[in-house]
Amino acid sequence: MDGRPVVADLLGNAPEWQERALCSQTDPEAFFPEKGGSTREAKRICSRCEVKSECLEYALGHDERFGIWGGLSERERRKLKRRAA
């Protein structure tokens, strides 16, 4: 072993809501599209997810800069933060 954490170690520290998230059962590529790629599928999944608000709170609180979190893109989260300030 080289001392780096393995995925299982990282997942063990995940908040409980992440285990219930629909995205945890989905291809993560949909939530991290290439620049200019479609976010439609990720947002559709988020719209049906029971932990959408917890996910968005987490992303805002941890300054997540990439991907779809809580149904919002990074740009949409920035706008939301600006409006709240």
PDB file of N, CA and C in Angstrom:
ATOM      1  N   MET A   1       0.841  -1.187   0.000  1.00  0.00           N
ATOM      2  CA  MET A   1       0.000   0.000   0.000  1.00  0.00           C
ATOM      3  C   MET A   1       0.878   1.240   0.000  1.00  0.00           C
ATOM      4  N   ASP A   2       0.412   2.280  -0.659  1.00  0.00           N
ATOM      5  CA  ASP A   2       1.195   3.509  -0.725  1.00  0.00           C
ATOM      6  C   ASP A   2       0.662   4.596   0.205  1.00  0.00           C
ATOM      7  N   GLY A   3      -0.307   4.287   1.051  1.00  0.00           N
ATOM      8  CA  GLY A   3      -0.810   5.251   2.016  1.00  0.00           C
ATOM      9  C   GLY A   3      -1.984   6.086   1.540  1.00  0.00           C
ATOM     10  N   ARG A   4      -2.289   6.024   0.255  1.00  0.00           N
ATOM     11  CA  ARG A   4      -3.434   6.791  -0.248  1.00  0.00           C
ATOM     12  C   ARG A   4      -4.734   6.086   0.127  1.00  0.00           C
ATOM     13  N   PRO A   5      -5.803   6.864   0.386  1.00  0.00           N
ATOM     14  CA  PRO A   5      -7.078   6.220   0.710  1.00  0.00           C
ATOM     15  C   PRO A   5      -7.659   5.517  -0.508  1.00  0.00           C
ATOM     16  N   VAL A   6      -8.371   4.451  -0.256  1.00  0.00           N
ATOM     17  CA  VAL A   6      -9.070   3.758  -1.333  1.00  0.00           C
ATOM     18  C   VAL A   6     -10.517   4.229  -1.338  1.00  0.00           C
ATOM     19  N   VAL A   7     -11.235   3.941  -2.406  1.00  0.00           N
ATOM     20  CA  VAL A   7     -12.612   4.414  -2.543  1.00  0.00           C
ATOM     21  C   VAL A   7     -13.462   3.997  -1.347  1.00  0.00           C
ATOM     22  N   ALA A   8     -13.311   2.782  -0.884  1.00  0.00           N
ATOM     23  CA  ALA A   8     -14.111   2.318   0.253  1.00  0.00           C
ATOM     24  C   ALA A   8     -13.877   3.189   1.483  1.00  0.00           C
ATOM     25  N   ASP A   9     -12.649   3.614   1.706  1.00  0.00           N
ATOM     26  CA  ASP A   9     -12.357   4.500   2.836  1.00  0.00           C
ATOM     27  C   ASP A   9     -13.081   5.827   2.674  1.00  0.00           C
ATOM     28  N   LEU A  10     -13.054   6.361   1.477  1.00  0.00           N
ATOM     29  CA  LEU A  10     -13.691   7.650   1.224  1.00  0.00           C
ATOM     30  C   LEU A  10     -15.202   7.555   1.374  1.00  0.00           C
ATOM     31  N   LEU A  11     -15.796   6.489   0.884  1.00  0.00           N
ATOM     32  CA  LEU A  11     -17.240   6.329   0.977  1.00  0.00           C
ATOM     33  C   LEU A  11     -17.697   6.124   2.410  1.00  0.00           C
ATOM     34  N   GLY A  12     -16.864   5.562   3.232  1.00  0.00           N
ATOM     35  CA  GLY A  12     -17.213   5.356   4.629  1.00  0.00           C
ATOM     36  C   GLY A  12     -17.463   6.658   5.366  1.00  0.00           C
ATOM     37  N   ASN A  13     -16.927   7.754   4.877  1.00  0.00           N
ATOM     38  CA  ASN A  13     -17.108   9.055   5.507  1.00  0.00           C
ATOM     39  C   ASN A  13     -18.206   9.874   4.845  1.00  0.00           C
ATOM     40  N   ALA A  14     -18.913   9.303   3.909  1.00  0.00           N
ATOM     41  CA  ALA A  14     -19.952  10.038   3.186  1.00  0.00           C
ATOM     42  C   ALA A  14     -21.139  10.310   4.106  1.00  0.00           C
ATOM     43  N   PRO A  15     -21.743  11.487   3.974  1.00  0.00           N
ATOM     44  CA  PRO A  15     -22.961  11.758   4.745  1.00  0.00           C
ATOM     45  C   PRO A  15     -24.037  10.724   4.423  1.00  0.00           C
ATOM     46  N   GLU A  16     -24.879  10.438   5.389  1.00  0.00           N
ATOM     47  CA  GLU A  16     -25.913   9.409   5.246  1.00  0.00           C
ATOM     48  C   GLU A  16     -26.831   9.661   4.056  1.00  0.00           C
ATOM     49  N   TRP A  17     -27.152  10.912   3.779  1.00  0.00           N
ATOM     50  CA  TRP A  17     -28.068  11.215   2.680  1.00  0.00           C
ATOM     51  C   TRP A  17     -27.513  10.759   1.336  1.00  0.00           C
ATOM     52  N   GLN A  18     -26.190  10.726   1.193  1.00  0.00           N
ATOM     53  CA  GLN A  18     -25.601  10.334  -0.089  1.00  0.00           C
ATOM     54  C   GLN A  18     -25.916   8.886  -0.440  1.00  0.00           C
ATOM     55  N   GLU A  19     -26.091   8.049   0.559  1.00  0.00           N
ATOM     56  CA  GLU A  19     -26.436   6.651   0.301  1.00  0.00           C
ATOM     57  C   GLU A  19     -27.838   6.517  -0.278  1.00  0.00           C
ATOM     58  N   ARG A  20     -28.721   7.482   0.026  1.00  0.00           N
ATOM     59  CA  ARG A  20     -30.099   7.451  -0.468  1.00  0.00           C
ATOM     60  C   ARG A  20     -30.270   8.210  -1.777  1.00  0.00           C
ATOM     61  N   ALA A  21     -29.250   8.895  -2.216  1.00  0.00           N
ATOM     62  CA  ALA A  21     -29.340   9.714  -3.429  1.00  0.00           C
ATOM     63  C   ALA A  21     -29.482   8.839  -4.674  1.00  0.00           C
ATOM     64  N   LEU A  22     -30.366   9.251  -5.562  1.00  0.00           N
ATOM     65  CA  LEU A  22     -30.548   8.500  -6.813  1.00  0.00           C
ATOM     66  C   LEU A  22     -29.272   8.471  -7.643  1.00  0.00           C
ATOM     67  N   CYS A  23     -28.475   9.513  -7.562  1.00  0.00           N
ATOM     68  CA  CYS A  23     -27.248   9.554  -8.359  1.00  0.00           C
ATOM     69  C   CYS A  23     -26.241   8.491  -7.923  1.00  0.00           C
ATOM     70  N   SER A  24     -26.382   7.994  -6.697  1.00  0.00           N
ATOM     71  CA  SER A  24     -25.454   6.957  -6.245  1.00  0.00           C
ATOM     72  C   SER A  24     -25.688   5.641  -6.977  1.00  0.00           C
ATOM     73  N   GLN A  25     -26.815   5.552  -7.679  1.00  0.00           N
ATOM     74  CA  GLN A  25     -27.160   4.345  -8.434  1.00  0.00           C
ATOM     75  C   GLN A  25     -27.068   4.591  -9.935  1.00  0.00           C
ATOM     76  N   THR A  26     -26.406   5.678 -10.317  1.00  0.00           N
ATOM     77  CA  THR A  26     -26.378   6.135 -11.705  1.00  0.00           C
ATOM     78  C   THR A  26     -24.941   6.376 -12.145  1.00  0.00           C
ATOM     79  N   ASP A  27     -24.719   6.353 -13.422  1.00  0.00           N
ATOM     80  CA  ASP A  27     -23.399   6.654 -13.981  1.00  0.00           C
ATOM     81  C   ASP A  27     -23.002   8.084 -13.617  1.00  0.00           C
ATOM     82  N   PRO A  28     -21.906   8.285 -12.907  1.00  0.00           N
ATOM     83  CA  PRO A  28     -21.503   9.634 -12.495  1.00  0.00           C
ATOM     84  C   PRO A  28     -21.168  10.560 -13.656  1.00  0.00           C
ATOM     85  N   GLU A  29     -20.880  10.006 -14.822  1.00  0.00           N
ATOM     86  CA  GLU A  29     -20.560  10.849 -15.982  1.00  0.00           C
ATOM     87  C   GLU A  29     -21.688  11.827 -16.300  1.00  0.00           C
ATOM     88  N   ALA A  30     -22.927  11.427 -16.048  1.00  0.00           N
ATOM     89  CA  ALA A  30     -24.069  12.302 -16.328  1.00  0.00           C
ATOM     90  C   ALA A  30     -24.031  13.558 -15.466  1.00  0.00           C
ATOM     91  N   PHE A  31     -23.426  13.464 -14.292  1.00  0.00           N
ATOM     92  CA  PHE A  31     -23.401  14.581 -13.347  1.00  0.00           C
ATOM     93  C   PHE A  31     -22.170  15.463 -13.499  1.00  0.00           C
ATOM     94  N   PHE A  32     -21.240  15.031 -14.299  1.00  0.00           N
ATOM     95  CA  PHE A  32     -20.016  15.798 -14.547  1.00  0.00           C
ATOM     96  C   PHE A  32     -19.744  15.846 -16.051  1.00  0.00           C
ATOM     97  N   PRO A  33     -20.654  16.502 -16.804  1.00  0.00           N
ATOM     98  CA  PRO A  33     -20.494  16.536 -18.267  1.00  0.00           C
ATOM     99  C   PRO A  33     -19.304  17.394 -18.689  1.00  0.00           C
ATOM    100  N   GLU A  34     -18.795  17.101 -19.857  1.00  0.00           N
ATOM    101  CA  GLU A  34     -17.747  17.939 -20.445  1.00  0.00           C
ATOM    102  C   GLU A  34     -18.310  19.338 -20.652  1.00  0.00           C
ATOM    103  N   LYS A  35     -17.431  20.322 -20.724  1.00  0.00           N
ATOM    104  CA  LYS A  35     -17.879  21.700 -20.947  1.00  0.00           C
ATOM    105  C   LYS A  35     -18.751  21.751 -22.200  1.00  0.00           C
ATOM    106  N   GLY A  36     -19.930  22.324 -22.055  1.00  0.00           N
ATOM    107  CA  GLY A  36     -20.869  22.401 -23.165  1.00  0.00           C
ATOM    108  C   GLY A  36     -21.751  21.176 -23.315  1.00  0.00           C
ATOM    109  N   GLY A  37     -21.486  20.130 -22.513  1.00  0.00           N
ATOM    110  CA  GLY A  37     -22.287  18.911 -22.582  1.00  0.00           C
ATOM    111  C   GLY A  37     -23.645  19.097 -21.920  1.00  0.00           C
ATOM    112  N   SER A  38     -24.537  18.187 -22.188  1.00  0.00           N
ATOM    113  CA  SER A  38     -25.899  18.274 -21.667  1.00  0.00           C
ATOM    114  C   SER A  38     -25.971  17.903 -20.189  1.00  0.00           C
ATOM    115  N   THR A  39     -26.759  18.663 -19.452  1.00  0.00           N
ATOM    116  CA  THR A  39     -27.016  18.380 -18.040  1.00  0.00           C
ATOM    117  C   THR A  39     -28.436  17.848 -17.845  1.00  0.00           C
ATOM    118  N   ARG A  40     -29.151  17.673 -18.933  1.00  0.00           N
ATOM    119  CA  ARG A  40     -30.569  17.302 -18.875  1.00  0.00           C
ATOM    120  C   ARG A  40     -30.810  16.014 -18.089  1.00  0.00           C
ATOM    121  N   GLU A  41     -30.054  14.965 -18.370  1.00  0.00           N
ATOM    122  CA  GLU A  41     -30.269  13.677 -17.698  1.00  0.00           C
ATOM    123  C   GLU A  41     -30.013  13.798 -16.197  1.00  0.00           C
ATOM    124  N   ALA A  42     -28.936  14.457 -15.807  1.00  0.00           N
ATOM    125  CA  ALA A  42     -28.629  14.622 -14.385  1.00  0.00           C
ATOM    126  C   ALA A  42     -29.734  15.410 -13.687  1.00  0.00           C
ATOM    127  N   LYS A  43     -30.179  16.482 -14.296  1.00  0.00           N
ATOM    128  CA  LYS A  43     -31.229  17.300 -13.685  1.00  0.00           C
ATOM    129  C   LYS A  43     -32.551  16.541 -13.598  1.00  0.00           C
ATOM    130  N   ARG A  44     -32.820  15.683 -14.566  1.00  0.00           N
ATOM    131  CA  ARG A  44     -34.026  14.854 -14.520  1.00  0.00           C
ATOM    132  C   ARG A  44     -33.965  13.899 -13.328  1.00  0.00           C
ATOM    133  N   ILE A  45     -32.812  13.289 -13.121  1.00  0.00           N
ATOM    134  CA  ILE A  45     -32.633  12.382 -11.981  1.00  0.00           C
ATOM    135  C   ILE A  45     -32.776  13.158 -10.676  1.00  0.00           C
ATOM    136  N   CYS A  46     -32.140  14.306 -10.591  1.00  0.00           N
ATOM    137  CA  CYS A  46     -32.224  15.130  -9.379  1.00  0.00           C
ATOM    138  C   CYS A  46     -33.667  15.524  -9.067  1.00  0.00           C
ATOM    139  N   SER A  47     -34.444  15.806 -10.086  1.00  0.00           N
ATOM    140  CA  SER A  47     -35.815  16.271  -9.865  1.00  0.00           C
ATOM    141  C   SER A  47     -36.666  15.234  -9.139  1.00  0.00           C
ATOM    142  N   ARG A  48     -36.285  13.957  -9.233  1.00  0.00           N
ATOM    143  CA  ARG A  48     -37.032  12.876  -8.578  1.00  0.00           C
ATOM    144  C   ARG A  48     -36.379  12.415  -7.278  1.00  0.00           C
ATOM    145  N   CYS A  49     -35.274  13.018  -6.898  1.00  0.00           N
ATOM    146  CA  CYS A  49     -34.486  12.530  -5.762  1.00  0.00           C
ATOM    147  C   CYS A  49     -34.998  13.088  -4.431  1.00  0.00           C
ATOM    148  N   GLU A  50     -35.137  12.207  -3.449  1.00  0.00           N
ATOM    149  CA  GLU A  50     -35.643  12.605  -2.131  1.00  0.00           C
ATOM    150  C   GLU A  50     -34.640  13.421  -1.316  1.00  0.00           C
ATOM    151  N   VAL A  51     -33.376  13.415  -1.684  1.00  0.00           N
ATOM    152  CA  VAL A  51     -32.366  14.152  -0.908  1.00  0.00           C
ATOM    153  C   VAL A  51     -31.797  15.339  -1.691  1.00  0.00           C
ATOM    154  N   LYS A  52     -32.557  15.824  -2.641  1.00  0.00           N
ATOM    155  CA  LYS A  52     -32.113  16.935  -3.487  1.00  0.00           C
ATOM    156  C   LYS A  52     -31.709  18.160  -2.660  1.00  0.00           C
ATOM    157  N   SER A  53     -32.501  18.525  -1.671  1.00  0.00           N
ATOM    158  CA  SER A  53     -32.180  19.723  -0.885  1.00  0.00           C
ATOM    159  C   SER A  53     -30.928  19.518  -0.032  1.00  0.00           C
ATOM    160  N   GLU A  54     -30.751  18.332   0.541  1.00  0.00           N
ATOM    161  CA  GLU A  54     -29.537  18.053   1.314  1.00  0.00           C
ATOM    162  C   GLU A  54     -28.305  18.118   0.419  1.00  0.00           C
ATOM    163  N   CYS A  55     -28.452  17.612  -0.790  1.00  0.00           N
ATOM    164  CA  CYS A  55     -27.366  17.621  -1.762  1.00  0.00           C
ATOM    165  C   CYS A  55     -26.967  19.056  -2.113  1.00  0.00           C
ATOM    166  N   LEU A  56     -27.957  19.889  -2.376  1.00  0.00           N
ATOM    167  CA  LEU A  56     -27.675  21.283  -2.712  1.00  0.00           C
ATOM    168  C   LEU A  56     -27.025  22.008  -1.535  1.00  0.00           C
ATOM    169  N   GLU A  57     -27.531  21.788  -0.329  1.00  0.00           N
ATOM    170  CA  GLU A  57     -26.924  22.399   0.861  1.00  0.00           C
ATOM    171  C   GLU A  57     -25.464  21.985   1.001  1.00  0.00           C
ATOM    172  N   TYR A  58     -25.198  20.705   0.778  1.00  0.00           N
ATOM    173  CA  TYR A  58     -23.830  20.202   0.865  1.00  0.00           C
ATOM    174  C   TYR A  58     -22.932  20.901  -0.157  1.00  0.00           C
ATOM    175  N   ALA A  59     -23.407  20.988  -1.391  1.00  0.00           N
ATOM    176  CA  ALA A  59     -22.616  21.611  -2.459  1.00  0.00           C
ATOM    177  C   ALA A  59     -22.330  23.074  -2.151  1.00  0.00           C
ATOM    178  N   LEU A  60     -23.324  23.785  -1.662  1.00  0.00           N
ATOM    179  CA  LEU A  60     -23.129  25.198  -1.328  1.00  0.00           C
ATOM    180  C   LEU A  60     -22.187  25.351  -0.138  1.00  0.00           C
ATOM    181  N   GLY A  61     -22.346  24.498   0.856  1.00  0.00           N
ATOM    182  CA  GLY A  61     -21.512  24.566   2.051  1.00  0.00           C
ATOM    183  C   GLY A  61     -20.073  24.154   1.824  1.00  0.00           C
ATOM    184  N   HIS A  62     -19.839  23.308   0.836  1.00  0.00           N
ATOM    185  CA  HIS A  62     -18.489  22.817   0.548  1.00  0.00           C
ATOM    186  C   HIS A  62     -17.899  23.435  -0.716  1.00  0.00           C
ATOM    187  N   ASP A  63     -18.568  24.437  -1.239  1.00  0.00           N
ATOM    188  CA  ASP A  63     -18.095  25.170  -2.415  1.00  0.00           C
ATOM    189  C   ASP A  63     -17.732  24.231  -3.567  1.00  0.00           C
ATOM    190  N   GLU A  64     -18.645  23.279  -3.832  1.00  0.00           N
ATOM    191  CA  GLU A  64     -18.429  22.356  -4.953  1.00  0.00           C
ATOM    192  C   GLU A  64     -18.439  23.149  -6.252  1.00  0.00           C
ATOM    193  N   ARG A  65     -17.397  23.037  -7.028  1.00  0.00           N
ATOM    194  CA  ARG A  65     -17.258  23.841  -8.237  1.00  0.00           C
ATOM    195  C   ARG A  65     -17.529  23.076  -9.524  1.00  0.00           C
ATOM    196  N   PHE A  66     -17.724  21.794  -9.429  1.00  0.00           N
ATOM    197  CA  PHE A  66     -17.936  20.986 -10.629  1.00  0.00           C
ATOM    198  C   PHE A  66     -19.157  20.107 -10.462  1.00  0.00           C
ATOM    199  N   GLY A  67     -19.825  19.864 -11.559  1.00  0.00           N
ATOM    200  CA  GLY A  67     -20.910  18.899 -11.570  1.00  0.00           C
ATOM    201  C   GLY A  67     -22.267  19.455 -11.182  1.00  0.00           C
ATOM    202  N   ILE A  68     -23.247  18.585 -11.309  1.00  0.00           N
ATOM    203  CA  ILE A  68     -24.623  18.894 -10.939  1.00  0.00           C
ATOM    204  C   ILE A  68     -24.831  18.408  -9.511  1.00  0.00           C
ATOM    205  N   TRP A  69     -25.257  19.295  -8.652  1.00  0.00           N
ATOM    206  CA  TRP A  69     -25.532  18.981  -7.246  1.00  0.00           C
ATOM    207  C   TRP A  69     -26.890  19.574  -6.903  1.00  0.00           C
ATOM    208  N   GLY A  70     -27.788  18.777  -6.358  1.00  0.00           N
ATOM    209  CA  GLY A  70     -29.097  19.290  -5.979  1.00  0.00           C
ATOM    210  C   GLY A  70     -29.879  19.838  -7.151  1.00  0.00           C
ATOM    211  N   GLY A  71     -29.594  19.355  -8.325  1.00  0.00           N
ATOM    212  CA  GLY A  71     -30.304  19.782  -9.522  1.00  0.00           C
ATOM    213  C   GLY A  71     -29.782  21.050 -10.162  1.00  0.00           C
ATOM    214  N   LEU A  72     -28.700  21.612  -9.628  1.00  0.00           N
ATOM    215  CA  LEU A  72     -28.158  22.856 -10.168  1.00  0.00           C
ATOM    216  C   LEU A  72     -26.732  22.677 -10.670  1.00  0.00           C
ATOM    217  N   SER A  73     -26.432  23.376 -11.743  1.00  0.00           N
ATOM    218  CA  SER A  73     -25.064  23.393 -12.270  1.00  0.00           C
ATOM    219  C   SER A  73     -24.205  24.324 -11.421  1.00  0.00           C
ATOM    220  N   GLU A  74     -22.929  24.305 -11.657  1.00  0.00           N
ATOM    221  CA  GLU A  74     -22.007  25.182 -10.921  1.00  0.00           C
ATOM    222  C   GLU A  74     -22.384  26.642 -11.145  1.00  0.00           C
ATOM    223  N   ARG A  75     -22.707  26.996 -12.360  1.00  0.00           N
ATOM    224  CA  ARG A  75     -23.116  28.380 -12.669  1.00  0.00           C
ATOM    225  C   ARG A  75     -24.394  28.756 -11.915  1.00  0.00           C
ATOM    226  N   GLU A  76     -25.358  27.851 -11.897  1.00  0.00           N
ATOM    227  CA  GLU A  76     -26.614  28.117 -11.190  1.00  0.00           C
ATOM    228  C   GLU A  76     -26.390  28.249  -9.685  1.00  0.00           C
ATOM    229  N   ARG A  77     -25.475  27.451  -9.135  1.00  0.00           N
ATOM    230  CA  ARG A  77     -25.164  27.560  -7.702  1.00  0.00           C
ATOM    231  C   ARG A  77     -24.486  28.890  -7.388  1.00  0.00           C
ATOM    232  N   ARG A  78     -23.604  29.347  -8.269  1.00  0.00           N
ATOM    233  CA  ARG A  78     -22.957  30.659  -8.070  1.00  0.00           C
ATOM    234  C   ARG A  78     -23.997  31.770  -8.042  1.00  0.00           C
ATOM    235  N   LYS A  79     -24.945  31.731  -8.979  1.00  0.00           N
ATOM    236  CA  LYS A  79     -26.012  32.742  -9.019  1.00  0.00           C
ATOM    237  C   LYS A  79     -26.831  32.711  -7.732  1.00  0.00           C
ATOM    238  N   LEU A  80     -27.156  31.515  -7.271  1.00  0.00           N
ATOM    239  CA  LEU A  80     -27.925  31.360  -6.043  1.00  0.00           C
ATOM    240  C   LEU A  80     -27.173  31.958  -4.855  1.00  0.00           C
ATOM    241  N   LYS A  81     -25.885  31.695  -4.772  1.00  0.00           N
ATOM    242  CA  LYS A  81     -25.074  32.247  -3.678  1.00  0.00           C
ATOM    243  C   LYS A  81     -25.024  33.770  -3.742  1.00  0.00           C
ATOM    244  N   ARG A  82     -24.898  34.315  -4.943  1.00  0.00           N
ATOM    245  CA  ARG A  82     -24.859  35.780  -5.088  1.00  0.00           C
ATOM    246  C   ARG A  82     -26.175  36.402  -4.639  1.00  0.00           C
ATOM    247  N   ARG A  83     -27.285  35.790  -5.007  1.00  0.00           N
ATOM    248  CA  ARG A  83     -28.597  36.320  -4.608  1.00  0.00           C
ATOM    249  C   ARG A  83     -28.784  36.258  -3.098  1.00  0.00           C
ATOM    250  N   ALA A  84     -28.236  35.219  -2.473  1.00  0.00           N
ATOM    251  CA  ALA A  84     -28.390  35.046  -1.027  1.00  0.00           C
ATOM    252  C   ALA A  84     -27.494  35.990  -0.230  1.00  0.00           C
ATOM    253  N   ALA A  85     -26.450  36.494  -0.863  1.00  0.00           N
ATOM    254  CA  ALA A  85     -25.490  37.349  -0.137  1.00  0.00           C
ATOM    255  C   ALA A  85     -26.002  38.764   0.041  1.00  0.00           C
TER     256      ALA A  85
END
